[in-house]
Amino acid sequence: MTSIILHPTAFRRATATLTLLSACLFSVAHAVPAAPAAGTPSVTVSYADLNLASEEGANALFARIAAAARAVCAAESVDIRDLGAFTRVRACETAAITGAVNAVHSPRLASLRATYLQHG
């Protein structure tokens, strides 16, 4: 397994409660990657070129995952003054990052995620 696919569910169409409970849906790319729901944005994050046993490799993958989460959750398009939208985007990003990190099964990556959750 050398790549993961991130894609959120239709959290924008759901209520705030459903959004927080099911903000993102993740699939791990095995031999045949799972297809995201029609119209759902997704990003495949490859890490075949990284050594996840090293700190540098884990940091590089975490940066890729965080960038992919921002992309699929449309973080760049949210107006920070819209607190509801900002909260939904942050919940989506956190869920996307958590799901991707859990799919990789790397202790170093999990440690980076824990630090991210503490400090945002």
N, C-alpha and C. Protein backbone atom coordinates (compact mmCIF):
# COMPACT_ATOMS: atom_id res chain seq x y z
N MET A 1 0.85 -1.17 0.00
CA MET A 1 0.00 0.00 0.00
C MET A 1 0.90 1.23 0.00
N THR A 2 0.84 2.01 -1.05
CA THR A 2 1.69 3.19 -1.14
C THR A 2 0.93 4.45 -1.47
N SER A 3 -0.39 4.39 -1.36
CA SER A 3 -1.16 5.61 -1.56
C SER A 3 -2.48 5.47 -0.82
N ILE A 4 -3.06 6.61 -0.51
CA ILE A 4 -4.36 6.66 0.15
C ILE A 4 -5.23 7.63 -0.62
N ILE A 5 -6.52 7.43 -0.54
CA ILE A 5 -7.45 8.34 -1.21
C ILE A 5 -8.28 9.02 -0.14
N LEU A 6 -8.33 10.33 -0.19
CA LEU A 6 -9.13 11.12 0.74
C LEU A 6 -10.33 11.69 0.00
N HIS A 7 -11.50 11.56 0.58
CA HIS A 7 -12.66 12.23 0.01
C HIS A 7 -13.73 12.38 1.08
N PRO A 8 -14.31 13.57 1.19
CA PRO A 8 -15.34 13.81 2.19
C PRO A 8 -16.70 13.34 1.68
N THR A 9 -17.59 13.06 2.62
CA THR A 9 -18.97 12.80 2.23
C THR A 9 -19.62 14.14 1.96
N ALA A 10 -20.86 14.13 1.65
CA ALA A 10 -21.57 15.37 1.34
C ALA A 10 -21.92 16.10 2.63
N PHE A 11 -20.91 16.47 3.37
CA PHE A 11 -21.16 17.09 4.66
C PHE A 11 -21.82 18.46 4.53
N ARG A 12 -21.65 19.08 3.41
CA ARG A 12 -22.26 20.39 3.22
C ARG A 12 -23.76 20.29 3.08
N ARG A 13 -24.26 19.11 2.68
CA ARG A 13 -25.69 18.91 2.52
C ARG A 13 -26.32 18.35 3.80
N ALA A 14 -25.53 18.00 4.75
CA ALA A 14 -26.04 17.39 5.98
C ALA A 14 -26.21 18.43 7.07
N THR A 15 -26.87 18.05 8.12
CA THR A 15 -27.01 18.95 9.27
C THR A 15 -25.67 19.02 9.98
N ALA A 16 -25.54 19.97 10.90
CA ALA A 16 -24.28 20.13 11.61
C ALA A 16 -23.96 18.88 12.41
N THR A 17 -24.94 18.26 12.99
CA THR A 17 -24.69 17.06 13.77
C THR A 17 -24.19 15.93 12.89
N LEU A 18 -24.85 15.72 11.77
CA LEU A 18 -24.39 14.69 10.86
C LEU A 18 -23.04 15.03 10.28
N THR A 19 -22.80 16.30 10.10
CA THR A 19 -21.51 16.73 9.57
C THR A 19 -20.39 16.33 10.51
N LEU A 20 -20.58 16.58 11.79
CA LEU A 20 -19.54 16.25 12.75
C LEU A 20 -19.39 14.74 12.91
N LEU A 21 -20.48 14.00 12.80
CA LEU A 21 -20.41 12.56 12.97
C LEU A 21 -19.85 11.84 11.76
N SER A 22 -20.15 12.37 10.58
CA SER A 22 -19.69 11.69 9.37
C SER A 22 -19.09 12.67 8.39
N ALA A 23 -18.16 13.47 8.86
CA ALA A 23 -17.60 14.53 8.04
C ALA A 23 -16.84 14.00 6.83
N CYS A 24 -16.16 12.92 7.00
CA CYS A 24 -15.35 12.43 5.88
C CYS A 24 -15.41 10.91 5.80
N LEU A 25 -15.28 10.42 4.58
CA LEU A 25 -15.24 8.99 4.32
C LEU A 25 -13.91 8.70 3.65
N PHE A 26 -13.25 7.67 4.14
CA PHE A 26 -11.92 7.38 3.61
C PHE A 26 -11.85 5.98 3.04
N SER A 27 -11.05 5.83 2.05
CA SER A 27 -10.78 4.53 1.46
C SER A 27 -9.28 4.38 1.35
N VAL A 28 -8.80 3.20 1.64
CA VAL A 28 -7.38 2.92 1.49
C VAL A 28 -7.20 2.31 0.12
N ALA A 29 -6.21 2.78 -0.60
CA ALA A 29 -5.95 2.24 -1.94
C ALA A 29 -5.18 0.94 -1.79
N HIS A 30 -5.83 -0.16 -2.09
CA HIS A 30 -5.17 -1.47 -2.11
C HIS A 30 -4.81 -1.75 -3.56
N ALA A 31 -4.99 -2.95 -4.01
CA ALA A 31 -4.69 -3.26 -5.40
C ALA A 31 -5.61 -2.48 -6.34
N VAL A 32 -6.87 -2.33 -5.96
CA VAL A 32 -7.83 -1.56 -6.73
C VAL A 32 -8.38 -0.48 -5.82
N PRO A 33 -8.10 0.79 -6.07
CA PRO A 33 -8.58 1.85 -5.19
C PRO A 33 -10.10 1.92 -5.19
N ALA A 34 -10.65 2.20 -4.02
CA ALA A 34 -12.10 2.38 -3.92
C ALA A 34 -12.48 3.67 -4.62
N ALA A 35 -13.55 3.63 -5.34
CA ALA A 35 -14.01 4.82 -6.07
C ALA A 35 -14.84 5.70 -5.16
N PRO A 36 -14.57 7.01 -5.13
CA PRO A 36 -15.38 7.90 -4.33
C PRO A 36 -16.77 8.02 -4.94
N ALA A 37 -17.71 8.45 -4.12
CA ALA A 37 -19.07 8.66 -4.61
C ALA A 37 -19.02 9.67 -5.76
N ALA A 38 -19.96 9.52 -6.69
CA ALA A 38 -20.00 10.40 -7.85
C ALA A 38 -20.08 11.86 -7.41
N GLY A 39 -19.23 12.68 -7.96
CA GLY A 39 -19.25 14.10 -7.66
C GLY A 39 -18.51 14.48 -6.38
N THR A 40 -17.99 13.50 -5.65
CA THR A 40 -17.28 13.79 -4.41
C THR A 40 -15.81 14.02 -4.72
N PRO A 41 -15.26 15.16 -4.29
CA PRO A 41 -13.85 15.41 -4.57
C PRO A 41 -12.96 14.44 -3.81
N SER A 42 -11.87 14.04 -4.40
CA SER A 42 -10.93 13.15 -3.73
C SER A 42 -9.52 13.47 -4.19
N VAL A 43 -8.58 13.09 -3.38
CA VAL A 43 -7.17 13.29 -3.69
C VAL A 43 -6.45 12.01 -3.31
N THR A 44 -5.63 11.49 -4.22
CA THR A 44 -4.80 10.34 -3.91
C THR A 44 -3.45 10.86 -3.44
N VAL A 45 -3.02 10.39 -2.30
CA VAL A 45 -1.74 10.80 -1.72
C VAL A 45 -0.78 9.62 -1.82
N SER A 46 0.23 9.75 -2.64
CA SER A 46 1.22 8.69 -2.80
C SER A 46 2.36 8.90 -1.82
N TYR A 47 2.86 7.79 -1.31
CA TYR A 47 4.02 7.88 -0.43
C TYR A 47 5.04 6.78 -0.74
N ALA A 48 4.99 6.28 -1.95
CA ALA A 48 5.93 5.24 -2.36
C ALA A 48 7.38 5.71 -2.30
N ASP A 49 7.58 7.01 -2.45
CA ASP A 49 8.94 7.57 -2.46
C ASP A 49 9.46 7.91 -1.07
N LEU A 50 8.66 7.66 -0.03
CA LEU A 50 9.04 8.07 1.32
C LEU A 50 9.41 6.88 2.21
N ASN A 51 10.32 7.11 3.10
CA ASN A 51 10.68 6.13 4.13
C ASN A 51 9.96 6.56 5.40
N LEU A 52 8.86 5.89 5.73
CA LEU A 52 8.06 6.29 6.88
C LEU A 52 8.72 5.94 8.21
N ALA A 53 9.79 5.17 8.18
CA ALA A 53 10.53 4.87 9.40
C ALA A 53 11.39 6.06 9.83
N SER A 54 11.60 6.98 8.91
CA SER A 54 12.41 8.16 9.23
C SER A 54 11.50 9.33 9.59
N GLU A 55 12.04 10.22 10.38
CA GLU A 55 11.28 11.43 10.77
C GLU A 55 10.98 12.28 9.55
N GLU A 56 11.94 12.40 8.65
CA GLU A 56 11.75 13.21 7.44
C GLU A 56 10.63 12.64 6.57
N GLY A 57 10.61 11.33 6.41
CA GLY A 57 9.58 10.69 5.60
C GLY A 57 8.19 10.87 6.19
N ALA A 58 8.08 10.69 7.51
CA ALA A 58 6.80 10.86 8.19
C ALA A 58 6.33 12.31 8.09
N ASN A 59 7.26 13.26 8.28
CA ASN A 59 6.89 14.67 8.16
C ASN A 59 6.42 15.01 6.75
N ALA A 60 7.09 14.47 5.76
CA ALA A 60 6.71 14.75 4.37
C ALA A 60 5.33 14.18 4.07
N LEU A 61 5.04 12.96 4.53
CA LEU A 61 3.72 12.38 4.28
C LEU A 61 2.65 13.14 5.03
N PHE A 62 2.92 13.54 6.26
CA PHE A 62 1.92 14.30 7.01
C PHE A 62 1.60 15.61 6.29
N ALA A 63 2.62 16.27 5.77
CA ALA A 63 2.40 17.51 5.02
C ALA A 63 1.55 17.25 3.78
N ARG A 64 1.80 16.16 3.08
CA ARG A 64 0.99 15.81 1.91
C ARG A 64 -0.46 15.53 2.31
N ILE A 65 -0.64 14.79 3.40
CA ILE A 65 -2.00 14.46 3.86
C ILE A 65 -2.74 15.73 4.25
N ALA A 66 -2.07 16.62 4.99
CA ALA A 66 -2.71 17.87 5.42
C ALA A 66 -3.10 18.72 4.20
N ALA A 67 -2.24 18.78 3.21
CA ALA A 67 -2.55 19.55 2.00
C ALA A 67 -3.73 18.93 1.25
N ALA A 68 -3.75 17.60 1.19
CA ALA A 68 -4.87 16.92 0.52
C ALA A 68 -6.17 17.15 1.28
N ALA A 69 -6.11 17.13 2.59
CA ALA A 69 -7.30 17.37 3.41
C ALA A 69 -7.83 18.78 3.17
N ARG A 70 -6.93 19.76 3.10
CA ARG A 70 -7.36 21.13 2.82
C ARG A 70 -8.02 21.21 1.45
N ALA A 71 -7.49 20.47 0.48
CA ALA A 71 -8.04 20.50 -0.87
C ALA A 71 -9.43 19.86 -0.92
N VAL A 72 -9.59 18.67 -0.35
CA VAL A 72 -10.89 18.00 -0.46
C VAL A 72 -11.95 18.65 0.43
N CYS A 73 -11.52 19.32 1.46
CA CYS A 73 -12.48 19.99 2.36
C CYS A 73 -12.74 21.43 1.96
N ALA A 74 -12.13 21.88 0.89
CA ALA A 74 -12.30 23.24 0.34
C ALA A 74 -11.97 24.32 1.36
N ALA A 75 -10.89 24.12 2.07
CA ALA A 75 -10.49 25.06 3.13
C ALA A 75 -10.15 26.44 2.58
N GLU A 76 -9.61 26.50 1.39
CA GLU A 76 -9.19 27.78 0.83
C GLU A 76 -10.38 28.66 0.44
N SER A 77 -11.54 28.05 0.25
CA SER A 77 -12.69 28.83 -0.21
C SER A 77 -13.60 29.31 0.92
N VAL A 78 -13.31 28.93 2.15
CA VAL A 78 -14.19 29.31 3.25
C VAL A 78 -13.81 30.71 3.77
N ASP A 79 -14.82 31.48 4.07
CA ASP A 79 -14.62 32.80 4.66
C ASP A 79 -14.50 32.61 6.17
N ILE A 80 -13.37 32.96 6.74
CA ILE A 80 -13.12 32.74 8.16
C ILE A 80 -14.15 33.47 9.04
N ARG A 81 -14.81 34.46 8.49
CA ARG A 81 -15.84 35.17 9.26
C ARG A 81 -17.12 34.35 9.39
N ASP A 82 -17.28 33.33 8.54
CA ASP A 82 -18.43 32.43 8.62
C ASP A 82 -18.04 31.28 9.54
N LEU A 83 -18.30 31.45 10.83
CA LEU A 83 -17.83 30.50 11.82
C LEU A 83 -18.41 29.10 11.63
N GLY A 84 -19.64 29.01 11.17
CA GLY A 84 -20.24 27.70 10.92
C GLY A 84 -19.50 26.96 9.83
N ALA A 85 -19.24 27.65 8.73
CA ALA A 85 -18.51 27.03 7.62
C ALA A 85 -17.08 26.71 8.03
N PHE A 86 -16.45 27.60 8.76
CA PHE A 86 -15.08 27.38 9.21
C PHE A 86 -15.02 26.15 10.11
N THR A 87 -15.98 26.00 11.01
CA THR A 87 -16.04 24.85 11.91
C THR A 87 -16.22 23.56 11.13
N ARG A 88 -17.10 23.58 10.13
CA ARG A 88 -17.32 22.38 9.32
C ARG A 88 -16.07 22.00 8.54
N VAL A 89 -15.38 22.99 7.99
CA VAL A 89 -14.15 22.72 7.24
C VAL A 89 -13.09 22.14 8.16
N ARG A 90 -12.92 22.72 9.34
CA ARG A 90 -11.92 22.21 10.29
C ARG A 90 -12.25 20.79 10.73
N ALA A 91 -13.55 20.50 10.94
CA ALA A 91 -13.96 19.14 11.31
C ALA A 91 -13.65 18.17 10.16
N CYS A 92 -13.90 18.60 8.95
CA CYS A 92 -13.61 17.78 7.77
C CYS A 92 -12.11 17.52 7.66
N GLU A 93 -11.31 18.56 7.81
CA GLU A 93 -9.86 18.41 7.73
C GLU A 93 -9.35 17.44 8.79
N THR A 94 -9.81 17.62 10.02
CA THR A 94 -9.38 16.76 11.12
C THR A 94 -9.76 15.31 10.86
N ALA A 95 -10.98 15.09 10.41
CA ALA A 95 -11.42 13.73 10.11
C ALA A 95 -10.64 13.14 8.94
N ALA A 96 -10.36 13.95 7.93
CA ALA A 96 -9.60 13.47 6.77
C ALA A 96 -8.19 13.08 7.17
N ILE A 97 -7.56 13.92 7.94
CA ILE A 97 -6.19 13.65 8.39
C ILE A 97 -6.17 12.41 9.28
N THR A 98 -7.10 12.32 10.21
CA THR A 98 -7.15 11.18 11.11
C THR A 98 -7.37 9.88 10.34
N GLY A 99 -8.30 9.89 9.41
CA GLY A 99 -8.57 8.69 8.63
C GLY A 99 -7.38 8.26 7.79
N ALA A 100 -6.73 9.21 7.17
CA ALA A 100 -5.57 8.90 6.33
C ALA A 100 -4.42 8.36 7.17
N VAL A 101 -4.15 9.01 8.30
CA VAL A 101 -3.07 8.57 9.18
C VAL A 101 -3.36 7.16 9.69
N ASN A 102 -4.58 6.91 10.11
CA ASN A 102 -4.94 5.58 10.61
C ASN A 102 -4.80 4.51 9.52
N ALA A 103 -5.06 4.88 8.27
CA ALA A 103 -4.97 3.93 7.17
C ALA A 103 -3.52 3.51 6.89
N VAL A 104 -2.58 4.37 7.22
CA VAL A 104 -1.17 4.09 6.93
C VAL A 104 -0.53 3.20 7.99
N HIS A 105 -1.01 3.25 9.22
CA HIS A 105 -0.48 2.42 10.31
C HIS A 105 0.99 2.70 10.60
N SER A 106 1.33 3.97 10.72
CA SER A 106 2.71 4.36 11.02
C SER A 106 2.74 5.07 12.38
N PRO A 107 3.49 4.54 13.36
CA PRO A 107 3.57 5.19 14.67
C PRO A 107 4.10 6.63 14.59
N ARG A 108 5.08 6.88 13.73
CA ARG A 108 5.61 8.25 13.59
C ARG A 108 4.54 9.20 13.07
N LEU A 109 3.78 8.72 12.09
CA LEU A 109 2.72 9.54 11.51
C LEU A 109 1.62 9.78 12.55
N ALA A 110 1.30 8.77 13.33
CA ALA A 110 0.29 8.91 14.39
C ALA A 110 0.73 9.94 15.43
N SER A 111 2.01 9.96 15.72
CA SER A 111 2.54 10.95 16.67
C SER A 111 2.39 12.37 16.12
N LEU A 112 2.65 12.54 14.84
CA LEU A 112 2.49 13.85 14.21
C LEU A 112 1.02 14.29 14.24
N ARG A 113 0.11 13.34 14.00
CA ARG A 113 -1.31 13.65 14.05
C ARG A 113 -1.72 14.08 15.45
N ALA A 114 -1.22 13.41 16.46
CA ALA A 114 -1.53 13.77 17.85
C ALA A 114 -1.06 15.18 18.16
N THR A 115 0.12 15.53 17.69
CA THR A 115 0.63 16.89 17.88
C THR A 115 -0.24 17.91 17.15
N TYR A 116 -0.64 17.57 15.94
CA TYR A 116 -1.52 18.45 15.15
C TYR A 116 -2.83 18.68 15.90
N LEU A 117 -3.41 17.62 16.45
CA LEU A 117 -4.69 17.76 17.16
C LEU A 117 -4.55 18.61 18.41
N GLN A 118 -3.41 18.54 19.06
CA GLN A 118 -3.18 19.36 20.26
C GLN A 118 -2.98 20.83 19.93
N HIS A 119 -2.32 21.09 18.82
CA HIS A 119 -1.93 22.47 18.49
C HIS A 119 -2.66 23.06 17.30
N GLY A 120 -3.36 22.22 16.55
CA GLY A 120 -4.13 22.69 15.38
C GLY A 120 -3.23 23.22 14.36
